[in-house]
Amino acid sequence: MLDAAKELFLERGFDAVSLNEIVRRSGGSLSTLYELFDNKLGVLRAVVAGERFDGIGRIEAIVAQGDDPVTTLRAIAAEIHEELLRPDAIGMMRVVMGESLRNPDFARGLYALAHVPFVDLLVKLFGRWNEQGKASMPCPYIAAELFLGLVVHGTQLSAIFAGPCGLGEDARAGRLHEATRLFLTGYAIHA
């Protein structure tokens, strides 16, 4: 059901899709959809949750490799960029933005579901590096938010408004390299 809903939302937008269409495409039943998700907004929330938890899992795998902080941070930044530039991720960002404007409770819920766990993961990682003397981060929470701002902001805006071709590959690589270099230097992160 979630795959069918995602496809339909990307094809036609959130408002233009009915629950009956999701059920027709997925082969499920309307009663099961209501039982699992309550309503269409619940379906959208579940689609986004599945995407975000996959992304967090990939970041956790990078951290689990135990590479030095510089390598780990660059790999995390590259993973974030790769995730943001997938055409379906860009489309879902647009869908979610539209619904978030109409429904502030939905927006707050998605923030708690998608953003907060990722920040928490970075806070733990940065706190550990700080304790080990591999970084100078007085407040790992602020550092996590700043890292995401440096790595995500420009790329995400470019992807949402100009699409995956908004920035050329060289420009994206240059932006990613400079953002991580600045963060590594600013927080004295080393191997």
N, C-alpha and C. Protein backbone atom coordinates (compact mmCIF):
# COMPACT_ATOMS: atom_id res chain seq x y z
N MET A 1 0.82 -1.20 0.00
CA MET A 1 0.00 0.00 0.00
C MET A 1 0.86 1.26 0.00
N LEU A 2 1.95 1.23 0.76
CA LEU A 2 2.80 2.41 0.83
C LEU A 2 3.50 2.68 -0.50
N ASP A 3 3.93 1.63 -1.17
CA ASP A 3 4.56 1.81 -2.48
C ASP A 3 3.56 2.41 -3.47
N ALA A 4 2.34 1.88 -3.46
CA ALA A 4 1.31 2.40 -4.36
C ALA A 4 1.00 3.85 -4.03
N ALA A 5 0.89 4.17 -2.76
CA ALA A 5 0.60 5.55 -2.34
C ALA A 5 1.72 6.48 -2.78
N LYS A 6 2.96 6.08 -2.56
CA LYS A 6 4.08 6.92 -2.94
C LYS A 6 4.07 7.17 -4.44
N GLU A 7 3.87 6.13 -5.23
CA GLU A 7 3.82 6.30 -6.69
C GLU A 7 2.72 7.28 -7.09
N LEU A 8 1.55 7.13 -6.50
CA LEU A 8 0.44 8.00 -6.85
C LEU A 8 0.69 9.44 -6.41
N PHE A 9 1.21 9.62 -5.20
CA PHE A 9 1.50 10.98 -4.72
C PHE A 9 2.52 11.66 -5.63
N LEU A 10 3.52 10.91 -6.07
CA LEU A 10 4.54 11.48 -6.95
C LEU A 10 3.97 11.78 -8.34
N GLU A 11 3.07 10.93 -8.81
CA GLU A 11 2.49 11.12 -10.14
C GLU A 11 1.52 12.30 -10.18
N ARG A 12 0.69 12.42 -9.12
CA ARG A 12 -0.42 13.36 -9.22
C ARG A 12 -0.52 14.35 -8.06
N GLY A 13 0.29 14.20 -7.05
CA GLY A 13 0.18 15.08 -5.89
C GLY A 13 -0.76 14.52 -4.84
N PHE A 14 -0.59 14.98 -3.64
CA PHE A 14 -1.34 14.45 -2.50
C PHE A 14 -2.85 14.65 -2.65
N ASP A 15 -3.26 15.86 -2.99
CA ASP A 15 -4.69 16.18 -3.04
C ASP A 15 -5.43 15.40 -4.11
N ALA A 16 -4.77 15.09 -5.19
CA ALA A 16 -5.44 14.45 -6.34
C ALA A 16 -5.59 12.94 -6.19
N VAL A 17 -5.08 12.38 -5.10
CA VAL A 17 -5.11 10.93 -4.91
C VAL A 17 -6.14 10.57 -3.85
N SER A 18 -6.96 9.59 -4.15
CA SER A 18 -7.94 9.12 -3.15
C SER A 18 -7.45 7.81 -2.53
N LEU A 19 -8.01 7.51 -1.38
CA LEU A 19 -7.68 6.25 -0.73
C LEU A 19 -8.11 5.06 -1.58
N ASN A 20 -9.23 5.20 -2.27
CA ASN A 20 -9.69 4.12 -3.15
C ASN A 20 -8.68 3.84 -4.26
N GLU A 21 -8.04 4.88 -4.79
CA GLU A 21 -7.03 4.69 -5.83
C GLU A 21 -5.81 3.96 -5.27
N ILE A 22 -5.43 4.28 -4.06
CA ILE A 22 -4.30 3.59 -3.43
C ILE A 22 -4.63 2.12 -3.27
N VAL A 23 -5.85 1.83 -2.83
CA VAL A 23 -6.28 0.44 -2.64
C VAL A 23 -6.33 -0.29 -3.98
N ARG A 24 -6.87 0.39 -5.00
CA ARG A 24 -6.93 -0.26 -6.34
C ARG A 24 -5.54 -0.60 -6.85
N ARG A 25 -4.61 0.32 -6.70
CA ARG A 25 -3.26 0.07 -7.22
C ARG A 25 -2.53 -0.98 -6.39
N SER A 26 -2.75 -1.00 -5.09
CA SER A 26 -2.00 -1.92 -4.23
C SER A 26 -2.62 -3.30 -4.14
N GLY A 27 -3.90 -3.39 -4.44
CA GLY A 27 -4.56 -4.68 -4.33
C GLY A 27 -5.02 -4.99 -2.93
N GLY A 28 -4.93 -4.06 -2.04
CA GLY A 28 -5.38 -4.27 -0.66
C GLY A 28 -6.85 -3.94 -0.51
N SER A 29 -7.25 -3.69 0.73
CA SER A 29 -8.63 -3.34 0.98
C SER A 29 -8.69 -2.01 1.72
N LEU A 30 -9.79 -1.30 1.52
CA LEU A 30 -9.97 0.00 2.16
C LEU A 30 -10.02 -0.15 3.68
N SER A 31 -10.64 -1.21 4.16
CA SER A 31 -10.71 -1.41 5.62
C SER A 31 -9.32 -1.64 6.21
N THR A 32 -8.46 -2.35 5.51
CA THR A 32 -7.09 -2.56 5.98
C THR A 32 -6.32 -1.24 5.99
N LEU A 33 -6.50 -0.44 4.95
CA LEU A 33 -5.83 0.85 4.89
C LEU A 33 -6.24 1.72 6.08
N TYR A 34 -7.54 1.79 6.35
CA TYR A 34 -8.01 2.57 7.50
C TYR A 34 -7.49 2.00 8.82
N GLU A 35 -7.44 0.70 8.91
CA GLU A 35 -6.96 0.05 10.13
C GLU A 35 -5.49 0.36 10.38
N LEU A 36 -4.71 0.38 9.33
CA LEU A 36 -3.27 0.62 9.46
C LEU A 36 -2.90 2.09 9.58
N PHE A 37 -3.61 2.96 8.86
CA PHE A 37 -3.15 4.34 8.73
C PHE A 37 -4.17 5.40 9.13
N ASP A 38 -5.37 5.05 9.44
CA ASP A 38 -6.45 5.96 9.82
C ASP A 38 -7.00 6.79 8.66
N ASN A 39 -6.11 7.43 7.89
CA ASN A 39 -6.57 8.32 6.82
C ASN A 39 -5.43 8.54 5.82
N LYS A 40 -5.67 9.39 4.86
CA LYS A 40 -4.67 9.63 3.81
C LYS A 40 -3.43 10.30 4.38
N LEU A 41 -3.61 11.19 5.33
CA LEU A 41 -2.47 11.84 5.97
C LEU A 41 -1.61 10.81 6.71
N GLY A 42 -2.24 9.82 7.31
CA GLY A 42 -1.51 8.74 7.96
C GLY A 42 -0.71 7.92 6.96
N VAL A 43 -1.26 7.76 5.76
CA VAL A 43 -0.53 7.05 4.70
C VAL A 43 0.71 7.85 4.31
N LEU A 44 0.55 9.16 4.11
CA LEU A 44 1.70 10.01 3.76
C LEU A 44 2.76 9.97 4.86
N ARG A 45 2.32 10.06 6.10
CA ARG A 45 3.26 9.99 7.24
C ARG A 45 4.04 8.67 7.20
N ALA A 46 3.36 7.57 6.93
CA ALA A 46 4.03 6.26 6.89
C ALA A 46 5.00 6.16 5.71
N VAL A 47 4.65 6.75 4.58
CA VAL A 47 5.56 6.76 3.43
C VAL A 47 6.85 7.49 3.80
N VAL A 48 6.70 8.68 4.39
CA VAL A 48 7.87 9.48 4.77
C VAL A 48 8.67 8.77 5.85
N ALA A 49 8.00 8.18 6.81
CA ALA A 49 8.71 7.46 7.89
C ALA A 49 9.56 6.34 7.32
N GLY A 50 9.03 5.60 6.38
CA GLY A 50 9.80 4.52 5.76
C GLY A 50 11.04 5.03 5.06
N GLU A 51 10.90 6.15 4.37
CA GLU A 51 12.05 6.75 3.68
C GLU A 51 13.10 7.20 4.69
N ARG A 52 12.69 7.88 5.72
CA ARG A 52 13.63 8.43 6.69
C ARG A 52 14.34 7.34 7.47
N PHE A 53 13.60 6.30 7.85
CA PHE A 53 14.24 5.26 8.62
C PHE A 53 15.26 4.49 7.78
N ASP A 54 15.00 4.37 6.47
CA ASP A 54 16.00 3.77 5.59
C ASP A 54 17.26 4.63 5.56
N GLY A 55 17.07 5.95 5.49
CA GLY A 55 18.20 6.87 5.46
C GLY A 55 19.00 6.84 6.75
N ILE A 56 18.31 6.81 7.87
CA ILE A 56 19.01 6.74 9.16
C ILE A 56 19.78 5.42 9.26
N GLY A 57 19.19 4.35 8.75
CA GLY A 57 19.88 3.06 8.76
C GLY A 57 21.18 3.10 7.98
N ARG A 58 21.17 3.80 6.85
CA ARG A 58 22.41 3.91 6.05
C ARG A 58 23.46 4.74 6.79
N ILE A 59 23.03 5.79 7.48
CA ILE A 59 23.97 6.61 8.25
C ILE A 59 24.51 5.80 9.43
N GLU A 60 23.66 5.05 10.09
CA GLU A 60 24.12 4.19 11.20
C GLU A 60 25.15 3.19 10.72
N ALA A 61 24.97 2.66 9.52
CA ALA A 61 25.94 1.72 8.95
C ALA A 61 27.29 2.39 8.72
N ILE A 62 27.27 3.63 8.26
CA ILE A 62 28.52 4.38 8.07
C ILE A 62 29.22 4.56 9.40
N VAL A 63 28.47 4.97 10.42
CA VAL A 63 29.05 5.18 11.75
C VAL A 63 29.60 3.88 12.31
N ALA A 64 28.88 2.79 12.11
CA ALA A 64 29.29 1.48 12.64
C ALA A 64 30.60 0.98 12.04
N GLN A 65 30.97 1.48 10.88
CA GLN A 65 32.23 1.05 10.28
C GLN A 65 33.42 1.46 11.13
N GLY A 66 33.24 2.47 11.95
CA GLY A 66 34.30 2.88 12.87
C GLY A 66 35.48 3.58 12.23
N ASP A 67 35.27 4.16 11.06
CA ASP A 67 36.35 4.90 10.42
C ASP A 67 36.70 6.14 11.24
N ASP A 68 37.79 6.77 10.89
CA ASP A 68 38.17 8.00 11.59
C ASP A 68 37.09 9.06 11.35
N PRO A 69 37.02 10.08 12.21
CA PRO A 69 35.96 11.09 12.09
C PRO A 69 35.92 11.81 10.75
N VAL A 70 37.06 12.11 10.16
CA VAL A 70 37.07 12.82 8.88
C VAL A 70 36.41 11.96 7.80
N THR A 71 36.81 10.71 7.71
CA THR A 71 36.24 9.79 6.72
C THR A 71 34.76 9.58 6.98
N THR A 72 34.40 9.41 8.24
CA THR A 72 33.00 9.17 8.61
C THR A 72 32.14 10.38 8.24
N LEU A 73 32.60 11.56 8.58
CA LEU A 73 31.82 12.77 8.30
C LEU A 73 31.65 12.98 6.79
N ARG A 74 32.70 12.75 6.04
CA ARG A 74 32.59 12.89 4.58
C ARG A 74 31.63 11.86 3.99
N ALA A 75 31.66 10.65 4.52
CA ALA A 75 30.75 9.60 4.04
C ALA A 75 29.29 9.94 4.39
N ILE A 76 29.07 10.47 5.58
CA ILE A 76 27.71 10.87 5.97
C ILE A 76 27.22 11.98 5.05
N ALA A 77 28.06 12.98 4.82
CA ALA A 77 27.67 14.09 3.94
C ALA A 77 27.35 13.59 2.54
N ALA A 78 28.17 12.68 2.02
CA ALA A 78 27.92 12.14 0.68
C ALA A 78 26.61 11.36 0.64
N GLU A 79 26.32 10.60 1.69
CA GLU A 79 25.07 9.83 1.75
C GLU A 79 23.86 10.76 1.77
N ILE A 80 23.97 11.84 2.54
CA ILE A 80 22.88 12.81 2.60
C ILE A 80 22.64 13.40 1.21
N HIS A 81 23.71 13.79 0.55
CA HIS A 81 23.57 14.37 -0.80
C HIS A 81 22.94 13.37 -1.76
N GLU A 82 23.41 12.15 -1.73
CA GLU A 82 22.86 11.13 -2.63
C GLU A 82 21.37 10.95 -2.38
N GLU A 83 20.99 10.92 -1.11
CA GLU A 83 19.58 10.77 -0.73
C GLU A 83 18.75 11.94 -1.24
N LEU A 84 19.24 13.15 -1.05
CA LEU A 84 18.48 14.34 -1.42
C LEU A 84 18.28 14.47 -2.92
N LEU A 85 19.16 13.92 -3.70
CA LEU A 85 19.11 14.13 -5.14
C LEU A 85 18.37 13.04 -5.91
N ARG A 86 17.86 12.04 -5.20
CA ARG A 86 17.04 11.03 -5.89
C ARG A 86 15.74 11.70 -6.36
N PRO A 87 15.34 11.49 -7.59
CA PRO A 87 14.11 12.14 -8.08
C PRO A 87 12.88 11.86 -7.21
N ASP A 88 12.74 10.65 -6.71
CA ASP A 88 11.57 10.37 -5.86
C ASP A 88 11.67 11.09 -4.52
N ALA A 89 12.87 11.27 -3.99
CA ALA A 89 13.04 12.00 -2.73
C ALA A 89 12.68 13.48 -2.94
N ILE A 90 13.09 14.04 -4.06
CA ILE A 90 12.76 15.43 -4.37
C ILE A 90 11.24 15.57 -4.48
N GLY A 91 10.62 14.65 -5.19
CA GLY A 91 9.16 14.69 -5.35
C GLY A 91 8.44 14.59 -4.02
N MET A 92 8.90 13.69 -3.15
CA MET A 92 8.24 13.54 -1.85
C MET A 92 8.47 14.78 -0.98
N MET A 93 9.63 15.42 -1.09
CA MET A 93 9.84 16.67 -0.34
C MET A 93 8.81 17.70 -0.76
N ARG A 94 8.55 17.78 -2.04
CA ARG A 94 7.56 18.74 -2.54
C ARG A 94 6.17 18.41 -2.02
N VAL A 95 5.80 17.14 -2.05
CA VAL A 95 4.49 16.71 -1.56
C VAL A 95 4.36 17.05 -0.07
N VAL A 96 5.38 16.71 0.70
CA VAL A 96 5.34 16.94 2.14
C VAL A 96 5.31 18.43 2.46
N MET A 97 6.06 19.23 1.72
CA MET A 97 6.04 20.68 1.95
C MET A 97 4.63 21.24 1.75
N GLY A 98 3.98 20.82 0.70
CA GLY A 98 2.63 21.31 0.43
C GLY A 98 1.67 20.96 1.54
N GLU A 99 1.70 19.73 1.99
CA GLU A 99 0.79 19.31 3.06
C GLU A 99 1.17 19.92 4.39
N SER A 100 2.46 20.15 4.63
CA SER A 100 2.92 20.76 5.88
C SER A 100 2.42 22.19 6.02
N LEU A 101 2.33 22.89 4.90
CA LEU A 101 1.81 24.27 4.94
C LEU A 101 0.36 24.31 5.38
N ARG A 102 -0.41 23.32 4.98
CA ARG A 102 -1.83 23.27 5.33
C ARG A 102 -2.07 22.69 6.71
N ASN A 103 -1.13 21.87 7.18
CA ASN A 103 -1.38 21.14 8.42
C ASN A 103 -0.15 21.23 9.34
N PRO A 104 -0.09 22.24 10.19
CA PRO A 104 1.07 22.41 11.07
C PRO A 104 1.32 21.22 12.01
N ASP A 105 0.26 20.55 12.45
CA ASP A 105 0.46 19.38 13.31
C ASP A 105 1.17 18.26 12.56
N PHE A 106 0.79 18.07 11.31
CA PHE A 106 1.47 17.09 10.47
C PHE A 106 2.94 17.46 10.32
N ALA A 107 3.22 18.74 10.08
CA ALA A 107 4.61 19.20 9.92
C ALA A 107 5.42 18.94 11.19
N ARG A 108 4.86 19.28 12.33
CA ARG A 108 5.58 19.04 13.60
C ARG A 108 5.82 17.55 13.83
N GLY A 109 4.83 16.74 13.49
CA GLY A 109 4.99 15.30 13.65
C GLY A 109 6.09 14.73 12.76
N LEU A 110 6.15 15.21 11.52
CA LEU A 110 7.19 14.75 10.61
C LEU A 110 8.57 15.22 11.06
N TYR A 111 8.63 16.43 11.59
CA TYR A 111 9.90 16.94 12.11
C TYR A 111 10.40 16.01 13.22
N ALA A 112 9.49 15.66 14.13
CA ALA A 112 9.87 14.77 15.24
C ALA A 112 10.22 13.37 14.73
N LEU A 113 9.54 12.92 13.71
CA LEU A 113 9.75 11.57 13.18
C LEU A 113 10.99 11.47 12.32
N ALA A 114 11.25 12.49 11.51
CA ALA A 114 12.31 12.39 10.51
C ALA A 114 13.58 13.13 10.89
N HIS A 115 13.46 14.33 11.41
CA HIS A 115 14.64 15.15 11.67
C HIS A 115 15.27 14.85 13.03
N VAL A 116 14.46 14.79 14.06
CA VAL A 116 14.98 14.65 15.42
C VAL A 116 15.82 13.38 15.61
N PRO A 117 15.38 12.21 15.13
CA PRO A 117 16.23 11.01 15.31
C PRO A 117 17.59 11.14 14.62
N PHE A 118 17.62 11.79 13.47
CA PHE A 118 18.88 11.96 12.77
C PHE A 118 19.80 12.90 13.54
N VAL A 119 19.24 13.99 14.05
CA VAL A 119 20.04 14.91 14.87
C VAL A 119 20.55 14.18 16.11
N ASP A 120 19.70 13.38 16.74
CA ASP A 120 20.12 12.62 17.93
C ASP A 120 21.29 11.70 17.62
N LEU A 121 21.24 11.05 16.46
CA LEU A 121 22.34 10.17 16.05
C LEU A 121 23.64 10.97 15.93
N LEU A 122 23.57 12.14 15.29
CA LEU A 122 24.77 12.97 15.16
C LEU A 122 25.25 13.50 16.50
N VAL A 123 24.33 13.86 17.39
CA VAL A 123 24.71 14.36 18.71
C VAL A 123 25.50 13.29 19.47
N LYS A 124 25.05 12.07 19.42
CA LYS A 124 25.78 10.98 20.09
C LYS A 124 27.17 10.79 19.47
N LEU A 125 27.22 10.80 18.15
CA LEU A 125 28.50 10.63 17.46
C LEU A 125 29.45 11.77 17.80
N PHE A 126 28.97 12.99 17.70
CA PHE A 126 29.82 14.15 17.97
C PHE A 126 30.23 14.20 19.44
N GLY A 127 29.33 13.83 20.33
CA GLY A 127 29.66 13.78 21.76
C GLY A 127 30.78 12.79 22.03
N ARG A 128 30.71 11.64 21.38
CA ARG A 128 31.76 10.62 21.54
C ARG A 128 33.10 11.14 21.04
N TRP A 129 33.09 11.78 19.86
CA TRP A 129 34.34 12.34 19.33
C TRP A 129 34.90 13.40 20.26
N ASN A 130 34.02 14.20 20.82
CA ASN A 130 34.46 15.24 21.74
C ASN A 130 35.11 14.62 22.98
N GLU A 131 34.47 13.60 23.55
CA GLU A 131 35.02 12.91 24.73
C GLU A 131 36.35 12.23 24.42
N GLN A 132 36.51 11.74 23.21
CA GLN A 132 37.74 11.06 22.82
C GLN A 132 38.84 12.05 22.42
N GLY A 133 38.55 13.33 22.44
CA GLY A 133 39.53 14.34 22.05
C GLY A 133 39.76 14.45 20.55
N LYS A 134 38.83 13.90 19.77
CA LYS A 134 38.96 13.94 18.31
C LYS A 134 38.27 15.17 17.70
N ALA A 135 37.64 15.98 18.55
CA ALA A 135 36.95 17.19 18.10
C ALA A 135 36.81 18.13 19.29
N SER A 136 36.56 19.37 18.99
CA SER A 136 36.31 20.36 20.03
C SER A 136 34.90 20.92 19.82
N MET A 137 33.92 20.24 20.43
CA MET A 137 32.51 20.58 20.24
C MET A 137 31.87 20.84 21.60
N PRO A 138 31.83 22.08 22.04
CA PRO A 138 31.22 22.38 23.34
C PRO A 138 29.76 21.95 23.42
N CYS A 139 29.04 22.02 22.30
CA CYS A 139 27.63 21.62 22.29
C CYS A 139 27.38 20.75 21.05
N PRO A 140 27.41 19.43 21.22
CA PRO A 140 27.20 18.54 20.07
C PRO A 140 25.86 18.75 19.36
N TYR A 141 24.84 19.19 20.10
CA TYR A 141 23.54 19.45 19.46
C TYR A 141 23.65 20.58 18.44
N ILE A 142 24.25 21.68 18.85
CA ILE A 142 24.42 22.80 17.92
C ILE A 142 25.30 22.37 16.74
N ALA A 143 26.34 21.60 17.03
CA ALA A 143 27.22 21.11 15.97
C ALA A 143 26.44 20.26 14.96
N ALA A 144 25.55 19.40 15.45
CA ALA A 144 24.75 18.56 14.56
C ALA A 144 23.86 19.41 13.67
N GLU A 145 23.21 20.39 14.25
CA GLU A 145 22.34 21.26 13.46
C GLU A 145 23.15 22.07 12.43
N LEU A 146 24.31 22.55 12.83
CA LEU A 146 25.16 23.30 11.91
C LEU A 146 25.67 22.42 10.77
N PHE A 147 26.06 21.19 11.10
CA PHE A 147 26.52 20.27 10.06
C PHE A 147 25.41 20.04 9.03
N LEU A 148 24.22 19.77 9.51
CA LEU A 148 23.11 19.54 8.58
C LEU A 148 22.82 20.79 7.76
N GLY A 149 22.90 21.95 8.39
CA GLY A 149 22.69 23.19 7.65
C GLY A 149 23.71 23.36 6.54
N LEU A 150 24.96 23.11 6.85
CA LEU A 150 26.02 23.25 5.84
C LEU A 150 25.86 22.24 4.70
N VAL A 151 25.55 21.02 5.05
CA VAL A 151 25.52 19.94 4.07
C VAL A 151 24.20 19.89 3.31
N VAL A 152 23.10 20.21 3.99
CA VAL A 152 21.79 19.99 3.41
C VAL A 152 21.20 21.22 2.73
N HIS A 153 21.28 22.36 3.36
CA HIS A 153 20.48 23.52 2.97
C HIS A 153 20.55 23.86 1.47
N GLY A 154 21.70 24.18 0.96
CA GLY A 154 21.81 24.59 -0.43
C GLY A 154 21.43 23.49 -1.40
N THR A 155 21.87 22.29 -1.11
CA THR A 155 21.56 21.17 -2.00
C THR A 155 20.07 20.88 -2.01
N GLN A 156 19.45 20.92 -0.84
CA GLN A 156 18.02 20.64 -0.75
C GLN A 156 17.21 21.71 -1.49
N LEU A 157 17.55 22.96 -1.29
CA LEU A 157 16.82 24.02 -2.00
C LEU A 157 16.99 23.89 -3.51
N SER A 158 18.21 23.63 -3.94
CA SER A 158 18.46 23.46 -5.36
C SER A 158 17.66 22.28 -5.91
N ALA A 159 17.64 21.18 -5.19
CA ALA A 159 16.91 19.99 -5.64
C ALA A 159 15.42 20.24 -5.70
N ILE A 160 14.87 20.89 -4.69
CA ILE A 160 13.43 21.12 -4.64
C ILE A 160 12.98 22.06 -5.76
N PHE A 161 13.72 23.14 -5.96
CA PHE A 161 13.27 24.17 -6.89
C PHE A 161 13.79 23.99 -8.31
N ALA A 162 14.96 23.38 -8.47
CA ALA A 162 15.52 23.23 -9.81
C ALA A 162 15.60 21.77 -10.24
N GLY A 163 15.35 20.85 -9.33
CA GLY A 163 15.43 19.43 -9.66
C GLY A 163 16.84 18.92 -9.55
N PRO A 164 17.05 17.63 -9.77
CA PRO A 164 18.37 17.03 -9.59
C PRO A 164 19.43 17.61 -10.51
N CYS A 165 19.01 18.26 -11.57
CA CYS A 165 19.99 18.84 -12.50
C CYS A 165 20.26 20.30 -12.19
N GLY A 166 19.71 20.80 -11.07
CA GLY A 166 19.89 22.20 -10.71
C GLY A 166 21.34 22.58 -10.56
N LEU A 167 22.12 21.72 -9.98
CA LEU A 167 23.56 21.92 -9.86
C LEU A 167 24.25 20.80 -10.62
N GLY A 168 25.29 21.15 -11.33
CA GLY A 168 26.06 20.11 -12.00
C GLY A 168 26.80 19.26 -10.99
N GLU A 169 27.25 18.11 -11.44
CA GLU A 169 27.94 17.18 -10.54
C GLU A 169 29.19 17.81 -9.91
N ASP A 170 29.96 18.56 -10.70
CA ASP A 170 31.16 19.21 -10.16
C ASP A 170 30.80 20.25 -9.11
N ALA A 171 29.74 21.01 -9.36
CA ALA A 171 29.31 22.02 -8.39
C ALA A 171 28.83 21.37 -7.11
N ARG A 172 28.09 20.27 -7.22
CA ARG A 172 27.62 19.56 -6.02
C ARG A 172 28.80 19.01 -5.24
N ALA A 173 29.76 18.41 -5.94
CA ALA A 173 30.94 17.85 -5.27
C ALA A 173 31.74 18.96 -4.59
N GLY A 174 31.87 20.09 -5.25
CA GLY A 174 32.60 21.22 -4.67
C GLY A 174 31.90 21.76 -3.44
N ARG A 175 30.58 21.87 -3.50
CA ARG A 175 29.79 22.34 -2.35
C ARG A 175 29.94 21.37 -1.17
N LEU A 176 29.86 20.09 -1.45
CA LEU A 176 29.97 19.08 -0.40
C LEU A 176 31.36 19.10 0.22
N HIS A 177 32.38 19.18 -0.60
CA HIS A 177 33.75 19.22 -0.09
C HIS A 177 33.98 20.46 0.78
N GLU A 178 33.52 21.60 0.32
CA GLU A 178 33.73 22.85 1.07
C GLU A 178 32.94 22.85 2.37
N ALA A 179 31.73 22.35 2.35
CA ALA A 179 30.91 22.30 3.57
C ALA A 179 31.57 21.41 4.62
N THR A 180 32.04 20.23 4.21
CA THR A 180 32.67 19.34 5.19
C THR A 180 34.01 19.89 5.64
N ARG A 181 34.76 20.51 4.74
CA ARG A 181 36.04 21.10 5.12
C ARG A 181 35.85 22.20 6.17
N LEU A 182 34.87 23.02 5.94
CA LEU A 182 34.58 24.10 6.88
C LEU A 182 34.18 23.55 8.25
N PHE A 183 33.33 22.55 8.27
CA PHE A 183 32.89 21.95 9.52
C PHE A 183 34.06 21.27 10.24
N LEU A 184 34.85 20.51 9.51
CA LEU A 184 36.01 19.82 10.10
C LEU A 184 36.99 20.82 10.71
N THR A 185 37.23 21.90 9.99
CA THR A 185 38.16 22.93 10.48
C THR A 185 37.59 23.65 11.69
N GLY A 186 36.34 24.07 11.60
CA GLY A 186 35.71 24.83 12.66
C GLY A 186 35.63 24.09 13.98
N TYR A 187 35.44 22.79 13.94
CA TYR A 187 35.35 21.99 15.17
C TYR A 187 36.61 21.19 15.44
N ALA A 188 37.69 21.51 14.76
CA ALA A 188 38.99 20.87 14.97
C ALA A 188 38.86 19.35 15.01
N ILE A 189 38.15 18.82 14.01
CA ILE A 189 37.93 17.37 13.94
C ILE A 189 39.14 16.74 13.23
N HIS A 190 39.64 15.69 13.84
CA HIS A 190 40.78 14.99 13.26
C HIS A 190 40.66 13.50 13.50
N ALA A 191 41.52 12.74 12.86
CA ALA A 191 41.47 11.28 12.94
C ALA A 191 41.79 10.78 14.33
